[in-house]
Every structure is written in structure tokens, then in C-alpha cells.
Amino acid sequence: AYQVLRRITPAMRALPAGQTGAEPFCYVDAFAGASWPWPGWNCLGWWTATGGWVLQLVVEWMYGARAEHAGLKIKPCLPADWTSARVIRHFRDAVYDIAISKPAGSCGGNVKLVVDGLPVDGDILPVFPPGTTHQVACRIE
């Protein structure tokens, strides 16, 4: 999944934005073929909602910060060669600053959470009062 994400992400794609006609931050859904005067060109960069969907995919499924009724579920699935990541997630008007760490070579495992210095049982963070900010340490073992 991470390799697919790398291929479709504008900042990482093989064809530079200057050769596509699309803005460097835009996801595009089509490129002109070899018979077109400018092969690889795309002028429809704003015609998709892909950016929002990719952001949701990364935050909720890769970084694992998913909204649930009981609270914010933290279940990261980072690429094997990553050892850390950080995401700031707004949830029910509170801010969760989540630092994720894990051993190299693993993709998932048991999650240990500490919020504002206190351990949390399980993988669901409580709902905090609106307007508050909380430091979350997430260790994947």
C-alpha cells in the first residue's frame, strides 16, 4: 500500500510537474498519451477530490488515528522501514498531538498509549473537552 501511495503522491511521482502541466500539489486522474503533441500532459488537476481522500487514508489508516463513537482509535500501520511518525489530529474540537514509534522492520503490533504522561488501557483515546491539546505517545511493540 505504501508503494502505491508513493507512486500516486504528487511530490513523489516520477514525472515532474513541469512536464505534466498540473500543479505540483495536485492529484491528477489522466495523462495524455503518446499521440498527443505533449505526451504526459494533464490539464485536469483540479477535477478530482483525491487529495482529501488520500489525506484521510494516511491519517486514519497509515497513522491509524480513526474516529470512533467511544473516542479516537489509535492503530497505526506504518511502512516496515519507518521507525517513527507524527500526526496532529483534531477530534471533537480537541487536539491530539500523536508521536508514533516502532521497531524497524515491523508494520504493526500491540499499541501502548500514554496521554499527557498517563498510560491508557487499550487503543482508544478518551474524548477530551473542546479547546484542549493533548500529547500522545504511541509505541508499537
C-alpha atoms as a PDB file:
ATOM      1  CA  ALA A   1       0.000   0.000   0.000  1.00  0.00           C
ATOM      2  CA  TYR A   2       2.841   2.392   0.792  1.00  0.00           C
ATOM      3  CA  GLN A   3       4.449   1.814  -2.612  1.00  0.00           C
ATOM      4  CA  VAL A   4       1.142   2.664  -4.340  1.00  0.00           C
ATOM      5  CA  LEU A   5       0.847   5.795  -2.202  1.00  0.00           C
ATOM      6  CA  ARG A   6       4.384   6.824  -3.239  1.00  0.00           C
ATOM      7  CA  ARG A   7       3.541   6.381  -6.923  1.00  0.00           C
ATOM      8  CA  ILE A   8       0.384   8.491  -6.844  1.00  0.00           C
ATOM      9  CA  THR A   9       1.508  11.257  -4.473  1.00  0.00           C
ATOM     10  CA  PRO A  10       2.331  14.406  -6.462  1.00  0.00           C
ATOM     11  CA  ALA A  11       5.563  15.249  -4.626  1.00  0.00           C
ATOM     12  CA  MET A  12       6.869  11.708  -5.202  1.00  0.00           C
ATOM     13  CA  ARG A  13       5.685  10.823  -8.697  1.00  0.00           C
ATOM     14  CA  ALA A  14       8.240  10.080 -11.382  1.00  0.00           C
ATOM     15  CA  LEU A  15       7.030  12.652 -13.920  1.00  0.00           C
ATOM     16  CA  PRO A  16       7.864  16.211 -12.710  1.00  0.00           C
ATOM     17  CA  ALA A  17       5.018  18.715 -12.563  1.00  0.00           C
ATOM     18  CA  GLY A  18       6.729  20.836 -15.228  1.00  0.00           C
ATOM     19  CA  GLN A  19       6.204  18.002 -17.690  1.00  0.00           C
ATOM     20  CA  THR A  20       2.561  17.357 -16.811  1.00  0.00           C
ATOM     21  CA  GLY A  21       1.042  20.838 -16.790  1.00  0.00           C
ATOM     22  CA  ALA A  22      -0.510  20.109 -13.393  1.00  0.00           C
ATOM     23  CA  GLU A  23       0.331  21.957 -10.212  1.00  0.00           C
ATOM     24  CA  PRO A  24       2.913  20.044  -8.121  1.00  0.00           C
ATOM     25  CA  PHE A  25       0.429  19.523  -5.268  1.00  0.00           C
ATOM     26  CA  CYS A  26      -2.449  18.211  -7.428  1.00  0.00           C
ATOM     27  CA  TYR A  27      -3.538  14.647  -7.902  1.00  0.00           C
ATOM     28  CA  VAL A  28      -4.478  14.074 -11.499  1.00  0.00           C
ATOM     29  CA  ASP A  29      -6.675  11.403 -12.982  1.00  0.00           C
ATOM     30  CA  ALA A  30      -5.376  11.207 -16.555  1.00  0.00           C
ATOM     31  CA  PHE A  31      -2.320  11.937 -18.662  1.00  0.00           C
ATOM     32  CA  ALA A  32      -2.181  12.499 -22.429  1.00  0.00           C
ATOM     33  CA  GLY A  33      -0.911   9.548 -24.449  1.00  0.00           C
ATOM     34  CA  ALA A  34       1.993   9.296 -26.863  1.00  0.00           C
ATOM     35  CA  SER A  35      -0.077  10.555 -29.841  1.00  0.00           C
ATOM     36  CA  TRP A  36      -0.829  13.896 -28.159  1.00  0.00           C
ATOM     37  CA  PRO A  37       1.530  16.814 -29.012  1.00  0.00           C
ATOM     38  CA  TRP A  38       2.617  16.935 -25.325  1.00  0.00           C
ATOM     39  CA  PRO A  39       2.718  13.332 -24.042  1.00  0.00           C
ATOM     40  CA  GLY A  40       2.249  13.091 -20.301  1.00  0.00           C
ATOM     41  CA  TRP A  41       0.435  16.433 -20.155  1.00  0.00           C
ATOM     42  CA  ASN A  42      -2.556  16.902 -17.848  1.00  0.00           C
ATOM     43  CA  CYS A  43      -4.726  19.976 -17.512  1.00  0.00           C
ATOM     44  CA  LEU A  44      -7.390  18.432 -15.276  1.00  0.00           C
ATOM     45  CA  GLY A  45      -5.555  18.502 -11.958  1.00  0.00           C
ATOM     46  CA  TRP A  46      -8.389  20.194 -10.084  1.00  0.00           C
ATOM     47  CA  TRP A  47     -11.083  17.820 -11.325  1.00  0.00           C
ATOM     48  CA  THR A  48     -10.658  15.195  -8.639  1.00  0.00           C
ATOM     49  CA  ALA A  49     -11.207  15.085  -4.892  1.00  0.00           C
ATOM     50  CA  THR A  50      -8.332  12.665  -4.494  1.00  0.00           C
ATOM     51  CA  GLY A  51      -6.245  14.923  -2.236  1.00  0.00           C
ATOM     52  CA  GLY A  52      -8.846  14.842   0.531  1.00  0.00           C
ATOM     53  CA  TRP A  53      -9.333  11.102   0.240  1.00  0.00           C
ATOM     54  CA  VAL A  54      -5.583  10.427   0.335  1.00  0.00           C
ATOM     55  CA  LEU A  55      -5.202  12.637   3.412  1.00  0.00           C
ATOM     56  CA  GLN A  56      -7.981  10.689   5.124  1.00  0.00           C
ATOM     57  CA  LEU A  57      -6.380   7.385   4.120  1.00  0.00           C
ATOM     58  CA  VAL A  58      -2.978   8.394   5.509  1.00  0.00           C
ATOM     59  CA  VAL A  59      -4.277   9.890   8.777  1.00  0.00           C
ATOM     60  CA  GLU A  60      -6.855   7.203   9.554  1.00  0.00           C
ATOM     61  CA  TRP A  61      -5.253   4.031   8.207  1.00  0.00           C
ATOM     62  CA  MET A  62      -1.492   4.577   7.980  1.00  0.00           C
ATOM     63  CA  TYR A  63      -1.087   6.757  11.074  1.00  0.00           C
ATOM     64  CA  GLY A  64      -4.101   4.957  12.499  1.00  0.00           C
ATOM     65  CA  ALA A  65      -5.934   7.897  14.110  1.00  0.00           C
ATOM     66  CA  ARG A  66      -9.557   6.908  13.399  1.00  0.00           C
ATOM     67  CA  ALA A  67     -12.657   8.469  14.872  1.00  0.00           C
ATOM     68  CA  GLU A  68     -14.986   6.076  16.681  1.00  0.00           C
ATOM     69  CA  HIS A  69     -18.022   6.712  18.838  1.00  0.00           C
ATOM     70  CA  ALA A  70     -16.150   5.889  22.069  1.00  0.00           C
ATOM     71  CA  GLY A  71     -13.109   8.048  21.224  1.00  0.00           C
ATOM     72  CA  LEU A  72     -10.108   8.280  18.937  1.00  0.00           C
ATOM     73  CA  LYS A  73      -8.791   4.831  17.997  1.00  0.00           C
ATOM     74  CA  ILE A  74      -5.013   4.664  17.525  1.00  0.00           C
ATOM     75  CA  LYS A  75      -3.952   1.676  15.416  1.00  0.00           C
ATOM     76  CA  PRO A  76      -1.026   2.676  13.149  1.00  0.00           C
ATOM     77  CA  CYS A  77       0.184   0.608  10.222  1.00  0.00           C
ATOM     78  CA  LEU A  78       3.440   2.295   9.221  1.00  0.00           C
ATOM     79  CA  PRO A  79       5.758   1.037   6.478  1.00  0.00           C
ATOM     80  CA  ALA A  80       8.290  -1.522   7.728  1.00  0.00           C
ATOM     81  CA  ASP A  81      11.320   0.748   7.300  1.00  0.00           C
ATOM     82  CA  TRP A  82       9.809   3.660   9.273  1.00  0.00           C
ATOM     83  CA  THR A  83      10.632   3.870  12.971  1.00  0.00           C
ATOM     84  CA  SER A  84       8.590   6.952  13.827  1.00  0.00           C
ATOM     85  CA  ALA A  85       5.881   9.303  12.621  1.00  0.00           C
ATOM     86  CA  ARG A  86       3.853  12.182  13.999  1.00  0.00           C
ATOM     87  CA  VAL A  87       0.338  13.351  13.277  1.00  0.00           C
ATOM     88  CA  ILE A  88      -1.740  16.131  14.792  1.00  0.00           C
ATOM     89  CA  ARG A  89      -5.372  15.081  14.758  1.00  0.00           C
ATOM     90  CA  HIS A  90      -8.336  17.286  15.618  1.00  0.00           C
ATOM     91  CA  PHE A  91     -11.172  15.254  17.114  1.00  0.00           C
ATOM     92  CA  ARG A  92     -14.363  16.662  18.608  1.00  0.00           C
ATOM     93  CA  ASP A  93     -12.752  20.089  18.996  1.00  0.00           C
ATOM     94  CA  ALA A  94      -9.742  18.793  20.953  1.00  0.00           C
ATOM     95  CA  VAL A  95      -6.213  18.455  19.540  1.00  0.00           C
ATOM     96  CA  TYR A  96      -4.271  15.196  19.770  1.00  0.00           C
ATOM     97  CA  ASP A  97      -0.532  15.533  19.050  1.00  0.00           C
ATOM     98  CA  ILE A  98       0.414  11.907  18.377  1.00  0.00           C
ATOM     99  CA  ALA A  99       4.038  10.702  18.236  1.00  0.00           C
ATOM    100  CA  ILE A 100       4.319   7.122  16.956  1.00  0.00           C
ATOM    101  CA  SER A 101       7.386   4.925  17.415  1.00  0.00           C
ATOM    102  CA  LYS A 102       8.097   1.332  16.479  1.00  0.00           C
ATOM    103  CA  PRO A 103      10.962  -1.060  15.787  1.00  0.00           C
ATOM    104  CA  ALA A 104      12.353  -1.082  12.257  1.00  0.00           C
ATOM    105  CA  GLY A 105      11.103  -3.998  10.184  1.00  0.00           C
ATOM    106  CA  SER A 106       7.653  -4.257  11.766  1.00  0.00           C
ATOM    107  CA  CYS A 107       4.406  -2.919  10.322  1.00  0.00           C
ATOM    108  CA  GLY A 108       2.047  -3.318  13.236  1.00  0.00           C
ATOM    109  CA  GLY A 109       1.583  -4.957  16.590  1.00  0.00           C
ATOM    110  CA  ASN A 110       0.321  -4.187  20.063  1.00  0.00           C
ATOM    111  CA  VAL A 111      -0.163  -0.486  20.744  1.00  0.00           C
ATOM    112  CA  LYS A 112       0.876   1.104  24.044  1.00  0.00           C
ATOM    113  CA  LEU A 113      -0.519   4.598  24.598  1.00  0.00           C
ATOM    114  CA  VAL A 114       0.470   7.333  27.031  1.00  0.00           C
ATOM    115  CA  VAL A 115      -1.544  10.570  27.088  1.00  0.00           C
ATOM    116  CA  ASP A 116      -0.200  13.594  28.910  1.00  0.00           C
ATOM    117  CA  GLY A 117       2.145  11.277  30.820  1.00  0.00           C
ATOM    118  CA  LEU A 118      -0.536   8.780  31.908  1.00  0.00           C
ATOM    119  CA  PRO A 119      -0.940   5.283  30.430  1.00  0.00           C
ATOM    120  CA  VAL A 120      -4.165   4.438  28.615  1.00  0.00           C
ATOM    121  CA  ASP A 121      -5.634   0.928  28.570  1.00  0.00           C
ATOM    122  CA  GLY A 122      -6.403  -0.337  25.076  1.00  0.00           C
ATOM    123  CA  ASP A 123      -6.140   1.571  21.812  1.00  0.00           C
ATOM    124  CA  ILE A 124      -8.935   4.149  22.177  1.00  0.00           C
ATOM    125  CA  LEU A 125      -8.135   7.607  23.492  1.00  0.00           C
ATOM    126  CA  PRO A 126     -10.826   9.311  25.554  1.00  0.00           C
ATOM    127  CA  VAL A 127     -12.825  12.265  24.294  1.00  0.00           C
ATOM    128  CA  PHE A 128     -11.320  15.402  25.789  1.00  0.00           C
ATOM    129  CA  PRO A 129     -13.011  18.750  26.421  1.00  0.00           C
ATOM    130  CA  PRO A 130     -13.224  21.122  23.457  1.00  0.00           C
ATOM    131  CA  GLY A 131     -10.317  23.534  23.108  1.00  0.00           C
ATOM    132  CA  THR A 132      -7.767  21.315  24.879  1.00  0.00           C
ATOM    133  CA  THR A 133      -4.499  19.903  23.477  1.00  0.00           C
ATOM    134  CA  HIS A 134      -3.009  16.555  24.472  1.00  0.00           C
ATOM    135  CA  GLN A 135       0.364  14.893  23.907  1.00  0.00           C
ATOM    136  CA  VAL A 136       0.059  11.245  22.896  1.00  0.00           C
ATOM    137  CA  ALA A 137       2.960   8.792  22.827  1.00  0.00           C
ATOM    138  CA  CYS A 138       2.143   5.677  20.838  1.00  0.00           C
ATOM    139  CA  ARG A 139       4.579   2.764  20.933  1.00  0.00           C
ATOM    140  CA  ILE A 140       4.019  -0.214  18.650  1.00  0.00           C
ATOM    141  CA  GLU A 141       5.524  -3.378  20.109  1.00  0.00           C
END
